[in-house]
PDB file of N, CA and C in Angstrom:
ATOM      1  N   MET A   1      11.024 -43.037 -31.564  1.00  0.00           N
ATOM      2  CA  MET A   1      11.427 -41.903 -32.373  1.00  0.00           C
ATOM      3  C   MET A   1      12.738 -42.248 -33.095  1.00  0.00           C
ATOM      4  N   ASP A   2      12.870 -41.746 -34.255  1.00  0.00           N
ATOM      5  CA  ASP A   2      14.029 -42.066 -35.096  1.00  0.00           C
ATOM      6  C   ASP A   2      15.224 -41.234 -34.662  1.00  0.00           C
ATOM      7  N   LEU A   3      16.352 -41.900 -34.394  1.00  0.00           N
ATOM      8  CA  LEU A   3      17.568 -41.196 -33.984  1.00  0.00           C
ATOM      9  C   LEU A   3      18.116 -40.314 -35.095  1.00  0.00           C
ATOM     10  N   GLY A   4      17.764 -40.626 -36.327  1.00  0.00           N
ATOM     11  CA  GLY A   4      18.239 -39.839 -37.467  1.00  0.00           C
ATOM     12  C   GLY A   4      17.730 -38.406 -37.415  1.00  0.00           C
ATOM     13  N   ILE A   5      16.549 -38.185 -36.877  1.00  0.00           N
ATOM     14  CA  ILE A   5      15.994 -36.839 -36.786  1.00  0.00           C
ATOM     15  C   ILE A   5      16.332 -36.183 -35.447  1.00  0.00           C
ATOM     16  N   LEU A   6      16.536 -36.992 -34.408  1.00  0.00           N
ATOM     17  CA  LEU A   6      16.799 -36.484 -33.065  1.00  0.00           C
ATOM     18  C   LEU A   6      18.144 -35.762 -32.977  1.00  0.00           C
ATOM     19  N   VAL A   7      19.161 -36.290 -33.616  1.00  0.00           N
ATOM     20  CA  VAL A   7      20.499 -35.696 -33.557  1.00  0.00           C
ATOM     21  C   VAL A   7      20.504 -34.279 -34.164  1.00  0.00           C
ATOM     22  N   PRO A   8      19.940 -34.064 -35.345  1.00  0.00           N
ATOM     23  CA  PRO A   8      19.937 -32.697 -35.894  1.00  0.00           C
ATOM     24  C   PRO A   8      19.092 -31.730 -35.055  1.00  0.00           C
ATOM     25  N   VAL A   9      17.978 -32.212 -34.478  1.00  0.00           N
ATOM     26  CA  VAL A   9      17.134 -31.343 -33.656  1.00  0.00           C
ATOM     27  C   VAL A   9      17.915 -30.885 -32.427  1.00  0.00           C
ATOM     28  N   ILE A  10      18.600 -31.811 -31.782  1.00  0.00           N
ATOM     29  CA  ILE A  10      19.415 -31.450 -30.614  1.00  0.00           C
ATOM     30  C   ILE A  10      20.570 -30.562 -31.051  1.00  0.00           C
ATOM     31  N   GLY A  11      21.162 -30.867 -32.193  1.00  0.00           N
ATOM     32  CA  GLY A  11      22.281 -30.068 -32.704  1.00  0.00           C
ATOM     33  C   GLY A  11      21.890 -28.622 -32.977  1.00  0.00           C
ATOM     34  N   VAL A  12      20.680 -28.397 -33.430  1.00  0.00           N
ATOM     35  CA  VAL A  12      20.196 -27.037 -33.691  1.00  0.00           C
ATOM     36  C   VAL A  12      19.701 -26.382 -32.403  1.00  0.00           C
ATOM     37  N   SER A  13      19.142 -27.148 -31.512  1.00  0.00           N
ATOM     38  CA  SER A  13      18.569 -26.606 -30.274  1.00  0.00           C
ATOM     39  C   SER A  13      19.627 -26.013 -29.359  1.00  0.00           C
ATOM     40  N   ILE A  14      20.773 -26.652 -29.262  1.00  0.00           N
ATOM     41  CA  ILE A  14      21.826 -26.183 -28.351  1.00  0.00           C
ATOM     42  C   ILE A  14      22.285 -24.767 -28.713  1.00  0.00           C
ATOM     43  N   PRO A  15      22.629 -24.463 -29.963  1.00  0.00           N
ATOM     44  CA  PRO A  15      23.039 -23.087 -30.272  1.00  0.00           C
ATOM     45  C   PRO A  15      21.894 -22.075 -30.107  1.00  0.00           C
ATOM     46  N   VAL A  16      20.688 -22.487 -30.429  1.00  0.00           N
ATOM     47  CA  VAL A  16      19.536 -21.584 -30.278  1.00  0.00           C
ATOM     48  C   VAL A  16      19.354 -21.233 -28.798  1.00  0.00           C
ATOM     49  N   ILE A  17      19.433 -22.221 -27.940  1.00  0.00           N
ATOM     50  CA  ILE A  17      19.312 -21.985 -26.491  1.00  0.00           C
ATOM     51  C   ILE A  17      20.450 -21.089 -26.018  1.00  0.00           C
ATOM     52  N   ALA A  18      21.656 -21.332 -26.524  1.00  0.00           N
ATOM     53  CA  ALA A  18      22.803 -20.513 -26.140  1.00  0.00           C
ATOM     54  C   ALA A  18      22.610 -19.062 -26.577  1.00  0.00           C
ATOM     55  N   LEU A  19      22.055 -18.854 -27.760  1.00  0.00           N
ATOM     56  CA  LEU A  19      21.815 -17.493 -28.252  1.00  0.00           C
ATOM     57  C   LEU A  19      20.702 -16.789 -27.478  1.00  0.00           C
ATOM     58  N   LEU A  20      19.705 -17.519 -27.030  1.00  0.00           N
ATOM     59  CA  LEU A  20      18.576 -16.919 -26.315  1.00  0.00           C
ATOM     60  C   LEU A  20      18.841 -16.720 -24.834  1.00  0.00           C
ATOM     61  N   ARG A  21      19.901 -17.322 -24.328  1.00  0.00           N
ATOM     62  CA  ARG A  21      20.188 -17.265 -22.883  1.00  0.00           C
ATOM     63  C   ARG A  21      20.429 -15.832 -22.397  1.00  0.00           C
ATOM     64  N   THR A  22      21.260 -15.075 -23.091  1.00  0.00           N
ATOM     65  CA  THR A  22      21.586 -13.710 -22.660  1.00  0.00           C
ATOM     66  C   THR A  22      20.372 -12.789 -22.721  1.00  0.00           C
ATOM     67  N   PRO A  23      19.633 -12.748 -23.825  1.00  0.00           N
ATOM     68  CA  PRO A  23      18.443 -11.873 -23.826  1.00  0.00           C
ATOM     69  C   PRO A  23      17.406 -12.282 -22.775  1.00  0.00           C
ATOM     70  N   LEU A  24      17.274 -13.576 -22.551  1.00  0.00           N
ATOM     71  CA  LEU A  24      16.328 -14.040 -21.544  1.00  0.00           C
ATOM     72  C   LEU A  24      16.764 -13.587 -20.154  1.00  0.00           C
ATOM     73  N   ARG A  25      18.059 -13.697 -19.866  1.00  0.00           N
ATOM     74  CA  ARG A  25      18.577 -13.257 -18.561  1.00  0.00           C
ATOM     75  C   ARG A  25      18.367 -11.754 -18.398  1.00  0.00           C
ATOM     76  N   GLN A  26      18.637 -10.972 -19.437  1.00  0.00           N
ATOM     77  CA  GLN A  26      18.442  -9.520 -19.376  1.00  0.00           C
ATOM     78  C   GLN A  26      16.969  -9.174 -19.155  1.00  0.00           C
ATOM     79  N   TRP A  27      16.090  -9.884 -19.826  1.00  0.00           N
ATOM     80  CA  TRP A  27      14.659  -9.640 -19.670  1.00  0.00           C
ATOM     81  C   TRP A  27      14.218  -9.941 -18.239  1.00  0.00           C
ATOM     82  N   LEU A  28      14.722 -11.032 -17.678  1.00  0.00           N
ATOM     83  CA  LEU A  28      14.379 -11.385 -16.300  1.00  0.00           C
ATOM     84  C   LEU A  28      14.924 -10.355 -15.316  1.00  0.00           C
ATOM     85  N   GLN A  29      16.140  -9.861 -15.545  1.00  0.00           N
ATOM     86  CA  GLN A  29      16.696  -8.822 -14.682  1.00  0.00           C
ATOM     87  C   GLN A  29      15.872  -7.540 -14.769  1.00  0.00           C
ATOM     88  N   HIS A  30      15.465  -7.187 -15.971  1.00  0.00           N
ATOM     89  CA  HIS A  30      14.624  -6.002 -16.169  1.00  0.00           C
ATOM     90  C   HIS A  30      13.296  -6.165 -15.435  1.00  0.00           C
ATOM     91  N   LYS A  31      12.709  -7.333 -15.553  1.00  0.00           N
ATOM     92  CA  LYS A  31      11.435  -7.603 -14.892  1.00  0.00           C
ATOM     93  C   LYS A  31      11.597  -7.527 -13.359  1.00  0.00           C
ATOM     94  N   ASP A  32      12.686  -8.094 -12.829  1.00  0.00           N
ATOM     95  CA  ASP A  32      12.954  -8.020 -11.391  1.00  0.00           C
ATOM     96  C   ASP A  32      13.096  -6.571 -10.937  1.00  0.00           C
ATOM     97  N   ARG A  33      13.845  -5.786 -11.685  1.00  0.00           N
ATOM     98  CA  ARG A  33      14.053  -4.368 -11.330  1.00  0.00           C
ATOM     99  C   ARG A  33      12.729  -3.611 -11.346  1.00  0.00           C
ATOM    100  N   ARG A  34      11.921  -3.896 -12.342  1.00  0.00           N
ATOM    101  CA  ARG A  34      10.610  -3.238 -12.439  1.00  0.00           C
ATOM    102  C   ARG A  34       9.734  -3.590 -11.237  1.00  0.00           C
ATOM    103  N   LEU A  35       9.750  -4.855 -10.843  1.00  0.00           N
ATOM    104  CA  LEU A  35       8.982  -5.281  -9.675  1.00  0.00           C
ATOM    105  C   LEU A  35       9.493  -4.608  -8.398  1.00  0.00           C
ATOM    106  N   GLU A  36      10.814  -4.455  -8.286  1.00  0.00           N
ATOM    107  CA  GLU A  36      11.383  -3.771  -7.126  1.00  0.00           C
ATOM    108  C   GLU A  36      10.917  -2.321  -7.062  1.00  0.00           C
ATOM    109  N   LEU A  37      10.928  -1.640  -8.211  1.00  0.00           N
ATOM    110  CA  LEU A  37      10.482  -0.248  -8.259  1.00  0.00           C
ATOM    111  C   LEU A  37       9.001  -0.133  -7.908  1.00  0.00           C
ATOM    112  N   GLU A  38       8.197  -1.034  -8.442  1.00  0.00           N
ATOM    113  CA  GLU A  38       6.764  -1.006  -8.142  1.00  0.00           C
ATOM    114  C   GLU A  38       6.513  -1.288  -6.666  1.00  0.00           C
ATOM    115  N   ALA A  39       7.279  -2.201  -6.086  1.00  0.00           N
ATOM    116  CA  ALA A  39       7.126  -2.499  -4.658  1.00  0.00           C
ATOM    117  C   ALA A  39       7.514  -1.289  -3.824  1.00  0.00           C
ATOM    118  N   GLY A  40       8.571  -0.591  -4.224  1.00  0.00           N
ATOM    119  CA  GLY A  40       8.983   0.616  -3.519  1.00  0.00           C
ATOM    120  C   GLY A  40       7.926   1.695  -3.585  1.00  0.00           C
ATOM    121  N   MET A  41       7.322   1.859  -4.751  1.00  0.00           N
ATOM    122  CA  MET A  41       6.263   2.866  -4.903  1.00  0.00           C
ATOM    123  C   MET A  41       5.045   2.487  -4.073  1.00  0.00           C
ATOM    124  N   ALA A  42       4.712   1.206  -4.043  1.00  0.00           N
ATOM    125  CA  ALA A  42       3.564   0.756  -3.243  1.00  0.00           C
ATOM    126  C   ALA A  42       3.833   0.970  -1.757  1.00  0.00           C
ATOM    127  N   ALA A  43       5.054   0.710  -1.323  1.00  0.00           N
ATOM    128  CA  ALA A  43       5.397   0.922   0.091  1.00  0.00           C
ATOM    129  C   ALA A  43       5.323   2.402   0.433  1.00  0.00           C
ATOM    130  N   GLU A  44       5.770   3.254  -0.482  1.00  0.00           N
ATOM    131  CA  GLU A  44       5.702   4.704  -0.246  1.00  0.00           C
ATOM    132  C   GLU A  44       4.251   5.172  -0.144  1.00  0.00           C
ATOM    133  N   LYS A  45       3.398   4.668  -1.023  1.00  0.00           N
ATOM    134  CA  LYS A  45       1.978   5.026  -0.961  1.00  0.00           C
ATOM    135  C   LYS A  45       1.350   4.545   0.337  1.00  0.00           C
ATOM    136  N   ALA A  46       1.710   3.345   0.752  1.00  0.00           N
ATOM    137  CA  ALA A  46       1.170   2.809   2.005  1.00  0.00           C
ATOM    138  C   ALA A  46       1.595   3.679   3.182  1.00  0.00           C
ATOM    139  N   ALA A  47       2.833   4.151   3.166  1.00  0.00           N
ATOM    140  CA  ALA A  47       3.311   5.030   4.241  1.00  0.00           C
ATOM    141  C   ALA A  47       2.552   6.354   4.224  1.00  0.00           C
ATOM    142  N   GLN A  48       2.289   6.878   3.024  1.00  0.00           N
ATOM    143  CA  GLN A  48       1.531   8.127   2.929  1.00  0.00           C
ATOM    144  C   GLN A  48       0.108   7.935   3.454  1.00  0.00           C
ATOM    145  N   TYR A  49      -0.518   6.828   3.091  1.00  0.00           N
ATOM    146  CA  TYR A  49      -1.875   6.552   3.580  1.00  0.00           C
ATOM    147  C   TYR A  49      -1.888   6.372   5.096  1.00  0.00           C
ATOM    148  N   ALA A  50      -0.864   5.721   5.622  1.00  0.00           N
ATOM    149  CA  ALA A  50      -0.782   5.519   7.071  1.00  0.00           C
ATOM    150  C   ALA A  50      -0.637   6.856   7.783  1.00  0.00           C
ATOM    151  N   ALA A  51       0.198   7.743   7.240  1.00  0.00           N
ATOM    152  CA  ALA A  51       0.385   9.067   7.837  1.00  0.00           C
ATOM    153  C   ALA A  51      -0.913   9.866   7.769  1.00  0.00           C
ATOM    154  N   LYS A  52      -1.603   9.786   6.648  1.00  0.00           N
ATOM    155  CA  LYS A  52      -2.867  10.507   6.497  1.00  0.00           C
ATOM    156  C   LYS A  52      -3.911   9.961   7.474  1.00  0.00           C
ATOM    157  N   THR A  53      -3.953   8.657   7.604  1.00  0.00           N
ATOM    158  CA  THR A  53      -4.892   8.033   8.547  1.00  0.00           C
ATOM    159  C   THR A  53      -4.590   8.469   9.972  1.00  0.00           C
ATOM    160  N   GLU A  54      -3.311   8.534  10.305  1.00  0.00           N
ATOM    161  CA  GLU A  54      -2.912   8.971  11.654  1.00  0.00           C
ATOM    162  C   GLU A  54      -3.364  10.405  11.911  1.00  0.00           C
ATOM    163  N   ARG A  55      -3.162  11.276  10.916  1.00  0.00           N
ATOM    164  CA  ARG A  55      -3.610  12.673  11.073  1.00  0.00           C
ATOM    165  C   ARG A  55      -5.119  12.751  11.248  1.00  0.00           C
ATOM    166  N   LEU A  56      -5.846  11.967  10.458  1.00  0.00           N
ATOM    167  CA  LEU A  56      -7.307  11.979  10.567  1.00  0.00           C
ATOM    168  C   LEU A  56      -7.765  11.455  11.927  1.00  0.00           C
ATOM    169  N   GLU A  57      -7.101  10.416  12.421  1.00  0.00           N
ATOM    170  CA  GLU A  57      -7.447   9.875  13.737  1.00  0.00           C
ATOM    171  C   GLU A  57      -7.187  10.914  14.827  1.00  0.00           C
ATOM    172  N   GLN A  58      -6.101  11.672  14.694  1.00  0.00           N
ATOM    173  CA  GLN A  58      -5.813  12.722  15.666  1.00  0.00           C
ATOM    174  C   GLN A  58      -6.882  13.813  15.620  1.00  0.00           C
ATOM    175  N   ARG A  59      -7.304  14.178  14.424  1.00  0.00           N
ATOM    176  CA  ARG A  59      -8.340  15.214  14.290  1.00  0.00           C
ATOM    177  C   ARG A  59      -9.665  14.743  14.879  1.00  0.00           C
ATOM    178  N   VAL A  60     -10.009  13.482  14.635  1.00  0.00           N
ATOM    179  CA  VAL A  60     -11.240  12.935  15.200  1.00  0.00           C
ATOM    180  C   VAL A  60     -11.164  12.928  16.722  1.00  0.00           C
ATOM    181  N   ALA A  61     -10.000  12.581  17.260  1.00  0.00           N
ATOM    182  CA  ALA A  61      -9.829  12.573  18.719  1.00  0.00           C
ATOM    183  C   ALA A  61     -10.027  13.981  19.281  1.00  0.00           C
ATOM    184  N   VAL A  62      -9.490  14.986  18.597  1.00  0.00           N
ATOM    185  CA  VAL A  62      -9.674  16.366  19.045  1.00  0.00           C
ATOM    186  C   VAL A  62     -11.151  16.747  18.988  1.00  0.00           C
ATOM    187  N   LEU A  63     -11.822  16.397  17.921  1.00  0.00           N
ATOM    188  CA  LEU A  63     -13.254  16.711  17.802  1.00  0.00           C
ATOM    189  C   LEU A  63     -14.056  15.996  18.882  1.00  0.00           C
ATOM    190  N   GLU A  64     -13.723  14.755  19.159  1.00  0.00           N
ATOM    191  CA  GLU A  64     -14.419  14.031  20.232  1.00  0.00           C
ATOM    192  C   GLU A  64     -14.198  14.714  21.571  1.00  0.00           C
ATOM    193  N   ARG A  65     -12.970  15.155  21.809  1.00  0.00           N
ATOM    194  CA  ARG A  65     -12.663  15.837  23.065  1.00  0.00           C
ATOM    195  C   ARG A  65     -13.444  17.150  23.162  1.00  0.00           C
ATOM    196  N   ILE A  66     -13.502  17.888  22.049  1.00  0.00           N
ATOM    197  CA  ILE A  66     -14.247  19.155  22.040  1.00  0.00           C
ATOM    198  C   ILE A  66     -15.719  18.889  22.326  1.00  0.00           C
ATOM    199  N   LEU A  67     -16.287  17.906  21.650  1.00  0.00           N
ATOM    200  CA  LEU A  67     -17.704  17.597  21.844  1.00  0.00           C
ATOM    201  C   LEU A  67     -17.981  17.110  23.264  1.00  0.00           C
ATOM    202  N   THR A  68     -17.106  16.285  23.773  1.00  0.00           N
ATOM    203  CA  THR A  68     -17.298  15.755  25.124  1.00  0.00           C
ATOM    204  C   THR A  68     -17.180  16.877  26.146  1.00  0.00           C
ATOM    205  N   ASP A  69     -16.140  17.685  26.026  1.00  0.00           N
ATOM    206  CA  ASP A  69     -15.951  18.791  26.957  1.00  0.00           C
ATOM    207  C   ASP A  69     -17.097  19.790  26.836  1.00  0.00           C
ATOM    208  N   ARG A  70     -17.459  20.134  25.638  1.00  0.00           N
ATOM    209  CA  ARG A  70     -18.545  21.107  25.410  1.00  0.00           C
ATOM    210  C   ARG A  70     -19.865  20.515  25.886  1.00  0.00           C
ATOM    211  N   GLY A  71     -20.050  19.220  25.696  1.00  0.00           N
ATOM    212  CA  GLY A  71     -21.282  18.580  26.161  1.00  0.00           C
ATOM    213  C   GLY A  71     -21.412  18.669  27.667  1.00  0.00           C
ATOM    214  N   THR A  72     -20.334  18.485  28.386  1.00  0.00           N
ATOM    215  CA  THR A  72     -20.348  18.586  29.850  1.00  0.00           C
ATOM    216  C   THR A  72     -20.634  20.011  30.271  1.00  0.00           C
ATOM    217  N   GLN A  73     -19.979  20.960  29.625  1.00  0.00           N
ATOM    218  CA  GLN A  73     -20.207  22.369  29.949  1.00  0.00           C
ATOM    219  C   GLN A  73     -21.651  22.752  29.652  1.00  0.00           C
ATOM    220  N   LEU A  74     -22.170  22.308  28.532  1.00  0.00           N
ATOM    221  CA  LEU A  74     -23.545  22.622  28.148  1.00  0.00           C
ATOM    222  C   LEU A  74     -24.521  22.009  29.139  1.00  0.00           C
ATOM    223  N   SER A  75     -24.269  20.786  29.563  1.00  0.00           N
ATOM    224  CA  SER A  75     -25.122  20.126  30.541  1.00  0.00           C
ATOM    225  C   SER A  75     -25.120  20.889  31.860  1.00  0.00           C
ATOM    226  N   ASP A  76     -23.946  21.327  32.302  1.00  0.00           N
ATOM    227  CA  ASP A  76     -23.852  22.114  33.537  1.00  0.00           C
ATOM    228  C   ASP A  76     -24.612  23.432  33.408  1.00  0.00           C
ATOM    229  N   GLU A  77     -24.487  24.060  32.256  1.00  0.00           N
ATOM    230  CA  GLU A  77     -25.186  25.339  32.033  1.00  0.00           C
ATOM    231  C   GLU A  77     -26.699  25.136  32.057  1.00  0.00           C
ATOM    232  N   ILE A  78     -27.191  24.063  31.464  1.00  0.00           N
ATOM    233  CA  ILE A  78     -28.639  23.774  31.482  1.00  0.00           C
ATOM    234  C   ILE A  78     -29.100  23.540  32.916  1.00  0.00           C
ATOM    235  N   GLU A  79     -28.322  22.798  33.673  1.00  0.00           N
ATOM    236  CA  GLU A  79     -28.688  22.544  35.069  1.00  0.00           C
ATOM    237  C   GLU A  79     -28.717  23.837  35.878  1.00  0.00           C
ATOM    238  N   ARG A  80     -27.783  24.749  35.659  1.00  0.00           N
ATOM    239  CA  ARG A  80     -27.780  26.038  36.355  1.00  0.00           C
ATOM    240  C   ARG A  80     -29.017  26.839  35.999  1.00  0.00           C
ATOM    241  N   LEU A  81     -29.396  26.794  34.730  1.00  0.00           N
ATOM    242  CA  LEU A  81     -30.593  27.531  34.315  1.00  0.00           C
ATOM    243  C   LEU A  81     -31.854  26.934  34.938  1.00  0.00           C
ATOM    244  N   ARG A  82     -31.901  25.627  35.117  1.00  0.00           N
ATOM    245  CA  ARG A  82     -33.058  24.993  35.738  1.00  0.00           C
ATOM    246  C   ARG A  82     -33.148  25.380  37.219  1.00  0.00           C
ATOM    247  N   ASP A  83     -31.992  25.443  37.840  1.00  0.00           N
ATOM    248  CA  ASP A  83     -31.971  25.764  39.282  1.00  0.00           C
ATOM    249  C   ASP A  83     -32.259  27.240  39.554  1.00  0.00           C
ATOM    250  N   ARG A  84     -32.077  28.087  38.581  1.00  0.00           N
ATOM    251  CA  ARG A  84     -32.279  29.510  38.783  1.00  0.00           C
ATOM    252  C   ARG A  84     -33.765  29.832  38.882  1.00  0.00           C
ATOM    253  N   PRO A  85     -34.152  30.641  39.852  1.00  0.00           N
ATOM    254  CA  PRO A  85     -35.564  30.982  39.998  1.00  0.00           C
ATOM    255  C   PRO A  85     -36.024  31.880  38.844  1.00  0.00           C
ATOM    256  N   LEU A  86     -37.255  31.699  38.448  1.00  0.00           N
ATOM    257  CA  LEU A  86     -37.826  32.528  37.389  1.00  0.00           C
ATOM    258  C   LEU A  86     -38.222  33.876  37.997  1.00  0.00           C
ATOM    259  N   ASN A  87     -38.043  34.980  37.344  1.00  0.00           N
ATOM    260  CA  ASN A  87     -38.377  36.307  37.863  1.00  0.00           C
ATOM    261  C   ASN A  87     -39.788  36.671  37.585  1.00  0.00           C
TER     262      ASN A  87
END
């Protein structure tokens, strides 16, 4: 490559890079901040989903307990009716 063209290219590139450095840094900071906000929102949603899942699991446990308890009572009642003499 010819040194005659290389010197002016480097001479122009240095100020251009210097001028673009600040906007590039600001853009990167903005992008980082945006990612932080999005991560915070995602974490908040995950916490809400976890809380909702916990509530649903508790409700299912209560329903299982009701069904199990009622099933035992119903079984006992059927057995009592079988043991009772017909009139």
